[in-house]
Amino acid sequence: MTKLLTIEQAAELLNVPKGSLRTAAEEHGFLVRIGRVIRLDESQLGELVERCKEPPKTRMVDFRDLRGYPSEAEMLASASRAAQALKELGKGERRQQRKNGHLSN
């Protein structure tokens, strides 16, 4: 037979706050409702804990260490080309504004 625990009993058993346990149980579908009574199935507490575990954090990758990525010099050259292209676009826009009479010399 299944043993149902109150939120308080389960929280004490797991040594966690009642509110946190109720929220987690609700989010993961572990609450048992019988009328207005809310309980947790004691046999499912381990599964609830497993579902609440966070995946391990991955270490940050330094992309300069990876093959196929541009070197710092290549990135600087690319940034320089982009800045030059933006400057040229700006000149063309100013010429167009002068032509349309929106900008004085």
C-alpha atoms as a PDB file:
ATOM      1  CA  MET A   1       0.000   0.000   0.000  1.00  0.00           C
ATOM      2  CA  THR A   2       1.203   3.518  -0.854  1.00  0.00           C
ATOM      3  CA  LYS A   3       2.116   5.741   2.078  1.00  0.00           C
ATOM      4  CA  LEU A   4       1.146   9.376   1.552  1.00  0.00           C
ATOM      5  CA  LEU A   5       2.950  12.132   3.444  1.00  0.00           C
ATOM      6  CA  THR A   6       1.934  15.690   4.157  1.00  0.00           C
ATOM      7  CA  ILE A   7       4.109  18.408   2.675  1.00  0.00           C
ATOM      8  CA  GLU A   8       5.428  19.072   6.194  1.00  0.00           C
ATOM      9  CA  GLN A   9       6.340  15.413   6.788  1.00  0.00           C
ATOM     10  CA  ALA A  10       8.061  15.078   3.415  1.00  0.00           C
ATOM     11  CA  ALA A  11       9.919  18.381   3.873  1.00  0.00           C
ATOM     12  CA  GLU A  12      11.181  17.242   7.263  1.00  0.00           C
ATOM     13  CA  LEU A  13      12.228  13.883   5.825  1.00  0.00           C
ATOM     14  CA  LEU A  14      14.155  15.571   2.987  1.00  0.00           C
ATOM     15  CA  ASN A  15      15.414  18.438   5.146  1.00  0.00           C
ATOM     16  CA  VAL A  16      14.109  21.133   2.772  1.00  0.00           C
ATOM     17  CA  PRO A  17      11.718  24.078   3.237  1.00  0.00           C
ATOM     18  CA  LYS A  18       8.001  23.229   2.905  1.00  0.00           C
ATOM     19  CA  GLY A  19       7.332  25.946   0.332  1.00  0.00           C
ATOM     20  CA  SER A  20      10.213  24.870  -1.892  1.00  0.00           C
ATOM     21  CA  LEU A  21       9.127  21.237  -1.751  1.00  0.00           C
ATOM     22  CA  ARG A  22       5.528  22.055  -2.601  1.00  0.00           C
ATOM     23  CA  THR A  23       6.601  24.240  -5.541  1.00  0.00           C
ATOM     24  CA  ALA A  24       8.941  21.563  -6.907  1.00  0.00           C
ATOM     25  CA  ALA A  25       6.344  18.814  -6.450  1.00  0.00           C
ATOM     26  CA  GLU A  26       3.728  20.901  -8.220  1.00  0.00           C
ATOM     27  CA  GLU A  27       6.058  21.826 -11.119  1.00  0.00           C
ATOM     28  CA  HIS A  28       7.065  18.199 -11.680  1.00  0.00           C
ATOM     29  CA  GLY A  29       3.629  16.659 -11.214  1.00  0.00           C
ATOM     30  CA  PHE A  30       4.174  14.845  -7.908  1.00  0.00           C
ATOM     31  CA  LEU A  31       1.316  16.297  -5.848  1.00  0.00           C
ATOM     32  CA  VAL A  32      -1.447  13.880  -4.918  1.00  0.00           C
ATOM     33  CA  ARG A  33      -4.803  15.631  -4.405  1.00  0.00           C
ATOM     34  CA  ILE A  34      -7.670  13.864  -2.744  1.00  0.00           C
ATOM     35  CA  GLY A  35     -10.405  16.438  -2.398  1.00  0.00           C
ATOM     36  CA  ARG A  36      -8.771  19.422  -0.721  1.00  0.00           C
ATOM     37  CA  VAL A  37      -6.041  17.310   0.871  1.00  0.00           C
ATOM     38  CA  ILE A  38      -2.572  17.513  -0.700  1.00  0.00           C
ATOM     39  CA  ARG A  39      -0.037  14.753  -0.140  1.00  0.00           C
ATOM     40  CA  LEU A  40       3.159  13.335  -1.588  1.00  0.00           C
ATOM     41  CA  ASP A  41       3.733   9.664  -2.324  1.00  0.00           C
ATOM     42  CA  GLU A  42       6.644   8.591  -0.129  1.00  0.00           C
ATOM     43  CA  SER A  43       7.864   6.111  -2.758  1.00  0.00           C
ATOM     44  CA  GLN A  44       8.227   8.942  -5.322  1.00  0.00           C
ATOM     45  CA  LEU A  45      10.313  11.324  -3.208  1.00  0.00           C
ATOM     46  CA  GLY A  46      13.575   9.958  -4.632  1.00  0.00           C
ATOM     47  CA  GLU A  47      12.362  10.531  -8.192  1.00  0.00           C
ATOM     48  CA  LEU A  48      11.279  14.066  -7.296  1.00  0.00           C
ATOM     49  CA  VAL A  49      14.747  14.795  -5.903  1.00  0.00           C
ATOM     50  CA  GLU A  50      16.356  13.407  -9.086  1.00  0.00           C
ATOM     51  CA  ARG A  51      14.199  15.628 -11.291  1.00  0.00           C
ATOM     52  CA  CYS A  52      15.160  18.667  -9.230  1.00  0.00           C
ATOM     53  CA  LYS A  53      18.895  18.118  -9.675  1.00  0.00           C
ATOM     54  CA  GLU A  54      20.577  20.684 -11.876  1.00  0.00           C
ATOM     55  CA  PRO A  55      22.806  19.493 -14.697  1.00  0.00           C
ATOM     56  CA  PRO A  56      26.523  20.090 -14.153  1.00  0.00           C
ATOM     57  CA  LYS A  57      27.833  23.421 -15.341  1.00  0.00           C
ATOM     58  CA  THR A  58      30.014  23.250 -18.439  1.00  0.00           C
ATOM     59  CA  ARG A  59      33.347  24.973 -18.375  1.00  0.00           C
ATOM     60  CA  MET A  60      33.830  28.072 -20.454  1.00  0.00           C
ATOM     61  CA  VAL A  61      35.565  27.490 -23.767  1.00  0.00           C
ATOM     62  CA  ASP A  62      38.276  29.806 -24.995  1.00  0.00           C
ATOM     63  CA  PHE A  63      37.403  29.930 -28.675  1.00  0.00           C
ATOM     64  CA  ARG A  64      40.951  30.888 -29.602  1.00  0.00           C
ATOM     65  CA  ASP A  65      41.947  27.360 -28.595  1.00  0.00           C
ATOM     66  CA  LEU A  66      39.639  25.795 -31.171  1.00  0.00           C
ATOM     67  CA  ARG A  67      40.789  25.060 -34.702  1.00  0.00           C
ATOM     68  CA  GLY A  68      39.016  26.820 -37.520  1.00  0.00           C
ATOM     69  CA  TYR A  69      38.379  30.016 -35.584  1.00  0.00           C
ATOM     70  CA  PRO A  70      40.071  33.244 -36.637  1.00  0.00           C
ATOM     71  CA  SER A  71      43.176  34.455 -34.871  1.00  0.00           C
ATOM     72  CA  GLU A  72      43.229  37.761 -33.028  1.00  0.00           C
ATOM     73  CA  ALA A  73      44.957  39.425 -35.991  1.00  0.00           C
ATOM     74  CA  GLU A  74      42.283  38.134 -38.372  1.00  0.00           C
ATOM     75  CA  MET A  75      39.536  39.410 -36.062  1.00  0.00           C
ATOM     76  CA  LEU A  76      41.174  42.861 -35.886  1.00  0.00           C
ATOM     77  CA  ALA A  77      41.488  43.000 -39.675  1.00  0.00           C
ATOM     78  CA  SER A  78      37.835  42.025 -40.038  1.00  0.00           C
ATOM     79  CA  ALA A  79      36.784  44.707 -37.524  1.00  0.00           C
ATOM     80  CA  SER A  80      38.823  47.275 -39.432  1.00  0.00           C
ATOM     81  CA  ARG A  81      37.131  46.313 -42.718  1.00  0.00           C
ATOM     82  CA  ALA A  82      33.719  46.561 -41.035  1.00  0.00           C
ATOM     83  CA  ALA A  83      34.528  50.031 -39.659  1.00  0.00           C
ATOM     84  CA  GLN A  84      35.651  51.169 -43.109  1.00  0.00           C
ATOM     85  CA  ALA A  85      32.444  49.838 -44.679  1.00  0.00           C
ATOM     86  CA  LEU A  86      30.346  51.706 -42.102  1.00  0.00           C
ATOM     87  CA  LYS A  87      32.270  54.891 -42.829  1.00  0.00           C
ATOM     88  CA  GLU A  88      31.600  54.503 -46.565  1.00  0.00           C
ATOM     89  CA  LEU A  89      27.910  53.883 -45.934  1.00  0.00           C
ATOM     90  CA  GLY A  90      27.766  57.064 -43.854  1.00  0.00           C
ATOM     91  CA  LYS A  91      29.378  59.107 -46.656  1.00  0.00           C
ATOM     92  CA  GLY A  92      26.820  57.793 -49.144  1.00  0.00           C
ATOM     93  CA  GLU A  93      23.966  58.631 -46.805  1.00  0.00           C
ATOM     94  CA  ARG A  94      25.239  62.217 -46.324  1.00  0.00           C
ATOM     95  CA  ARG A  95      25.580  62.650 -50.121  1.00  0.00           C
ATOM     96  CA  GLN A  96      21.975  61.488 -50.540  1.00  0.00           C
ATOM     97  CA  GLN A  97      20.767  63.900 -47.839  1.00  0.00           C
ATOM     98  CA  ARG A  98      22.585  66.814 -49.518  1.00  0.00           C
ATOM     99  CA  LYS A  99      21.107  65.818 -52.870  1.00  0.00           C
ATOM    100  CA  ASN A 100      17.599  65.803 -51.380  1.00  0.00           C
ATOM    101  CA  GLY A 101      18.193  69.127 -49.632  1.00  0.00           C
ATOM    102  CA  HIS A 102      18.017  67.715 -46.091  1.00  0.00           C
ATOM    103  CA  LEU A 103      21.606  68.558 -45.192  1.00  0.00           C
ATOM    104  CA  SER A 104      23.503  71.792 -45.762  1.00  0.00           C
ATOM    105  CA  ASN A 105      27.173  71.805 -46.817  1.00  0.00           C
END
